[in-house]
Amino acid sequence: MSAATTVVALIAAPPGLRGHLTRWFVEVAPGVFVGSPNARIRDGLWKVLADRICDGQAVMIEPARTEQGWAIRTAGQDRWTPTDFDGLTLMSRPRGNAGQLWKAASQVNETP
């Protein structure tokens, strides 16, 4: 993968959105696109993705001057969120039940 490679992953995207991305990317698997557009094209594509993703999810991994060498953008519903952790980007998962506190498996009482 070259230093300028961009990866876009779409989940439950509206029908025309995948076709729109094929102008600048190659679809290597269903919903996974790889290409090398310049920063202006990437920013324009991201605006379209974020506006049109509706109930789906979109993730863009793009080159950046960071310790990891890339940055990530996310849009849509129930998505994982990029979180900075001492200069590294980690992903935070959405909680299944937003108001509930997390419990270890050993603390969960299951009733048959």
C-alpha atoms as a PDB file:
ATOM      1  CA  MET A   1       0.000   0.000   0.000  1.00  0.00           C
ATOM      2  CA  SER A   2       1.496   3.342  -0.985  1.00  0.00           C
ATOM      3  CA  ALA A   3       1.714   6.320   1.346  1.00  0.00           C
ATOM      4  CA  ALA A   4      -1.139   8.089  -0.483  1.00  0.00           C
ATOM      5  CA  THR A   5      -3.622   5.195  -0.451  1.00  0.00           C
ATOM      6  CA  THR A   6      -7.116   5.889   0.858  1.00  0.00           C
ATOM      7  CA  VAL A   7      -9.551   3.188   1.998  1.00  0.00           C
ATOM      8  CA  VAL A   8     -13.316   3.691   2.331  1.00  0.00           C
ATOM      9  CA  ALA A   9     -15.653   1.127   3.913  1.00  0.00           C
ATOM     10  CA  LEU A  10     -19.437   1.417   3.602  1.00  0.00           C
ATOM     11  CA  ILE A  11     -22.032  -0.543   5.573  1.00  0.00           C
ATOM     12  CA  ALA A  12     -25.721  -0.448   4.597  1.00  0.00           C
ATOM     13  CA  ALA A  13     -25.104   2.419   2.175  1.00  0.00           C
ATOM     14  CA  PRO A  14     -27.823   3.806  -0.105  1.00  0.00           C
ATOM     15  CA  PRO A  15     -27.690   2.269  -3.616  1.00  0.00           C
ATOM     16  CA  GLY A  16     -26.177   5.192  -5.556  1.00  0.00           C
ATOM     17  CA  LEU A  17     -23.399   5.908  -3.084  1.00  0.00           C
ATOM     18  CA  ARG A  18     -21.284   2.862  -3.998  1.00  0.00           C
ATOM     19  CA  GLY A  19     -21.535   3.791  -7.688  1.00  0.00           C
ATOM     20  CA  HIS A  20     -20.501   7.354  -6.899  1.00  0.00           C
ATOM     21  CA  LEU A  21     -17.285   6.133  -5.231  1.00  0.00           C
ATOM     22  CA  THR A  22     -16.294   3.973  -8.208  1.00  0.00           C
ATOM     23  CA  ARG A  23     -15.349   7.147 -10.093  1.00  0.00           C
ATOM     24  CA  TRP A  24     -12.201   7.465  -7.953  1.00  0.00           C
ATOM     25  CA  PHE A  25     -11.835   4.103  -6.194  1.00  0.00           C
ATOM     26  CA  VAL A  26     -11.718   0.397  -6.998  1.00  0.00           C
ATOM     27  CA  GLU A  27     -14.224  -1.730  -5.073  1.00  0.00           C
ATOM     28  CA  VAL A  28     -12.020  -4.607  -3.839  1.00  0.00           C
ATOM     29  CA  ALA A  29     -14.781  -6.282  -1.800  1.00  0.00           C
ATOM     30  CA  PRO A  30     -18.445  -5.415  -1.258  1.00  0.00           C
ATOM     31  CA  GLY A  31     -18.459  -1.961   0.327  1.00  0.00           C
ATOM     32  CA  VAL A  32     -14.637  -1.660   0.524  1.00  0.00           C
ATOM     33  CA  PHE A  33     -12.993   0.875  -1.793  1.00  0.00           C
ATOM     34  CA  VAL A  34      -9.273   1.589  -2.355  1.00  0.00           C
ATOM     35  CA  GLY A  35      -7.737   4.474  -4.288  1.00  0.00           C
ATOM     36  CA  SER A  36      -5.342   7.416  -4.287  1.00  0.00           C
ATOM     37  CA  PRO A  37      -7.359  10.601  -4.777  1.00  0.00           C
ATOM     38  CA  ASN A  38      -5.767  13.919  -3.843  1.00  0.00           C
ATOM     39  CA  ALA A  39      -6.792  15.790  -0.676  1.00  0.00           C
ATOM     40  CA  ARG A  40      -9.301  18.036  -2.477  1.00  0.00           C
ATOM     41  CA  ILE A  41     -11.119  15.059  -4.016  1.00  0.00           C
ATOM     42  CA  ARG A  42     -11.053  13.176  -0.675  1.00  0.00           C
ATOM     43  CA  ASP A  43     -12.602  16.136   1.150  1.00  0.00           C
ATOM     44  CA  GLY A  44     -15.308  16.492  -1.493  1.00  0.00           C
ATOM     45  CA  LEU A  45     -16.064  12.767  -1.407  1.00  0.00           C
ATOM     46  CA  TRP A  46     -16.250  12.805   2.373  1.00  0.00           C
ATOM     47  CA  LYS A  47     -18.808  15.624   2.269  1.00  0.00           C
ATOM     48  CA  VAL A  48     -20.965  13.551  -0.109  1.00  0.00           C
ATOM     49  CA  LEU A  49     -20.549  10.393   2.013  1.00  0.00           C
ATOM     50  CA  ALA A  50     -21.389  12.132   5.286  1.00  0.00           C
ATOM     51  CA  ASP A  51     -24.467  13.825   3.746  1.00  0.00           C
ATOM     52  CA  ARG A  52     -25.848  10.717   2.005  1.00  0.00           C
ATOM     53  CA  ILE A  53     -25.002   7.784   4.315  1.00  0.00           C
ATOM     54  CA  CYS A  54     -28.400   8.040   6.146  1.00  0.00           C
ATOM     55  CA  ASP A  55     -28.839   4.954   8.376  1.00  0.00           C
ATOM     56  CA  GLY A  56     -25.640   3.272   7.176  1.00  0.00           C
ATOM     57  CA  GLN A  57     -22.023   3.721   8.194  1.00  0.00           C
ATOM     58  CA  ALA A  58     -19.004   5.143   6.378  1.00  0.00           C
ATOM     59  CA  VAL A  59     -15.337   4.959   7.367  1.00  0.00           C
ATOM     60  CA  MET A  60     -12.478   6.655   5.515  1.00  0.00           C
ATOM     61  CA  ILE A  61      -8.827   5.939   6.291  1.00  0.00           C
ATOM     62  CA  GLU A  62      -6.543   8.482   4.669  1.00  0.00           C
ATOM     63  CA  PRO A  63      -2.852   9.408   4.748  1.00  0.00           C
ATOM     64  CA  ALA A  64      -1.863  11.911   7.447  1.00  0.00           C
ATOM     65  CA  ARG A  65       1.237  13.208   9.156  1.00  0.00           C
ATOM     66  CA  THR A  66       0.678  11.326  12.398  1.00  0.00           C
ATOM     67  CA  GLU A  67       2.654   8.719  14.282  1.00  0.00           C
ATOM     68  CA  GLN A  68       0.555   6.026  12.622  1.00  0.00           C
ATOM     69  CA  GLY A  69       0.768   7.620   9.167  1.00  0.00           C
ATOM     70  CA  TRP A  70      -3.017   7.783   8.715  1.00  0.00           C
ATOM     71  CA  ALA A  71      -6.176   9.435  10.014  1.00  0.00           C
ATOM     72  CA  ILE A  72      -9.733   8.154  10.109  1.00  0.00           C
ATOM     73  CA  ARG A  73     -13.175   9.720   9.582  1.00  0.00           C
ATOM     74  CA  THR A  74     -16.515   8.119  10.427  1.00  0.00           C
ATOM     75  CA  ALA A  75     -20.129   9.013   9.637  1.00  0.00           C
ATOM     76  CA  GLY A  76     -23.524   7.415  10.030  1.00  0.00           C
ATOM     77  CA  GLN A  77     -25.502   5.568  12.681  1.00  0.00           C
ATOM     78  CA  ASP A  78     -24.135   3.321  15.471  1.00  0.00           C
ATOM     79  CA  ARG A  79     -20.580   3.882  14.336  1.00  0.00           C
ATOM     80  CA  TRP A  80     -17.279   3.342  16.036  1.00  0.00           C
ATOM     81  CA  THR A  81     -15.655   6.677  16.927  1.00  0.00           C
ATOM     82  CA  PRO A  82     -11.976   7.571  16.498  1.00  0.00           C
ATOM     83  CA  THR A  83     -10.463   8.523  19.854  1.00  0.00           C
ATOM     84  CA  ASP A  84      -7.052  10.072  20.454  1.00  0.00           C
ATOM     85  CA  PHE A  85      -5.061   8.211  23.088  1.00  0.00           C
ATOM     86  CA  ASP A  86      -1.684   9.887  23.685  1.00  0.00           C
ATOM     87  CA  GLY A  87      -1.207  10.587  19.981  1.00  0.00           C
ATOM     88  CA  LEU A  88      -2.526   7.224  18.733  1.00  0.00           C
ATOM     89  CA  THR A  89      -5.928   6.844  17.159  1.00  0.00           C
ATOM     90  CA  LEU A  90      -7.990   4.075  18.724  1.00  0.00           C
ATOM     91  CA  MET A  91     -11.603   3.191  17.983  1.00  0.00           C
ATOM     92  CA  SER A  92     -14.362   3.441  20.603  1.00  0.00           C
ATOM     93  CA  ARG A  93     -17.288   1.094  20.096  1.00  0.00           C
ATOM     94  CA  PRO A  94     -20.844   2.305  20.686  1.00  0.00           C
ATOM     95  CA  ARG A  95     -22.527   0.783  23.716  1.00  0.00           C
ATOM     96  CA  GLY A  96     -25.476  -1.508  23.079  1.00  0.00           C
ATOM     97  CA  ASN A  97     -27.544   0.086  25.844  1.00  0.00           C
ATOM     98  CA  ALA A  98     -26.434   3.695  26.112  1.00  0.00           C
ATOM     99  CA  GLY A  99     -27.557   4.248  29.708  1.00  0.00           C
ATOM    100  CA  GLN A 100     -26.173   1.022  31.165  1.00  0.00           C
ATOM    101  CA  LEU A 101     -22.795   0.703  32.782  1.00  0.00           C
ATOM    102  CA  TRP A 102     -20.448  -1.968  31.465  1.00  0.00           C
ATOM    103  CA  LYS A 103     -20.213  -5.150  33.570  1.00  0.00           C
ATOM    104  CA  ALA A 104     -17.660  -7.926  33.390  1.00  0.00           C
ATOM    105  CA  ALA A 105     -19.027 -11.297  32.262  1.00  0.00           C
ATOM    106  CA  SER A 106     -18.418 -12.691  35.741  1.00  0.00           C
ATOM    107  CA  GLN A 107     -20.746 -10.018  37.204  1.00  0.00           C
ATOM    108  CA  VAL A 108     -23.708 -10.723  34.939  1.00  0.00           C
ATOM    109  CA  ASN A 109     -26.468 -12.856  36.456  1.00  0.00           C
ATOM    110  CA  GLU A 110     -28.175 -14.936  33.805  1.00  0.00           C
ATOM    111  CA  THR A 111     -31.632 -16.299  34.472  1.00  0.00           C
ATOM    112  CA  PRO A 112     -32.897 -19.236  32.425  1.00  0.00           C
END
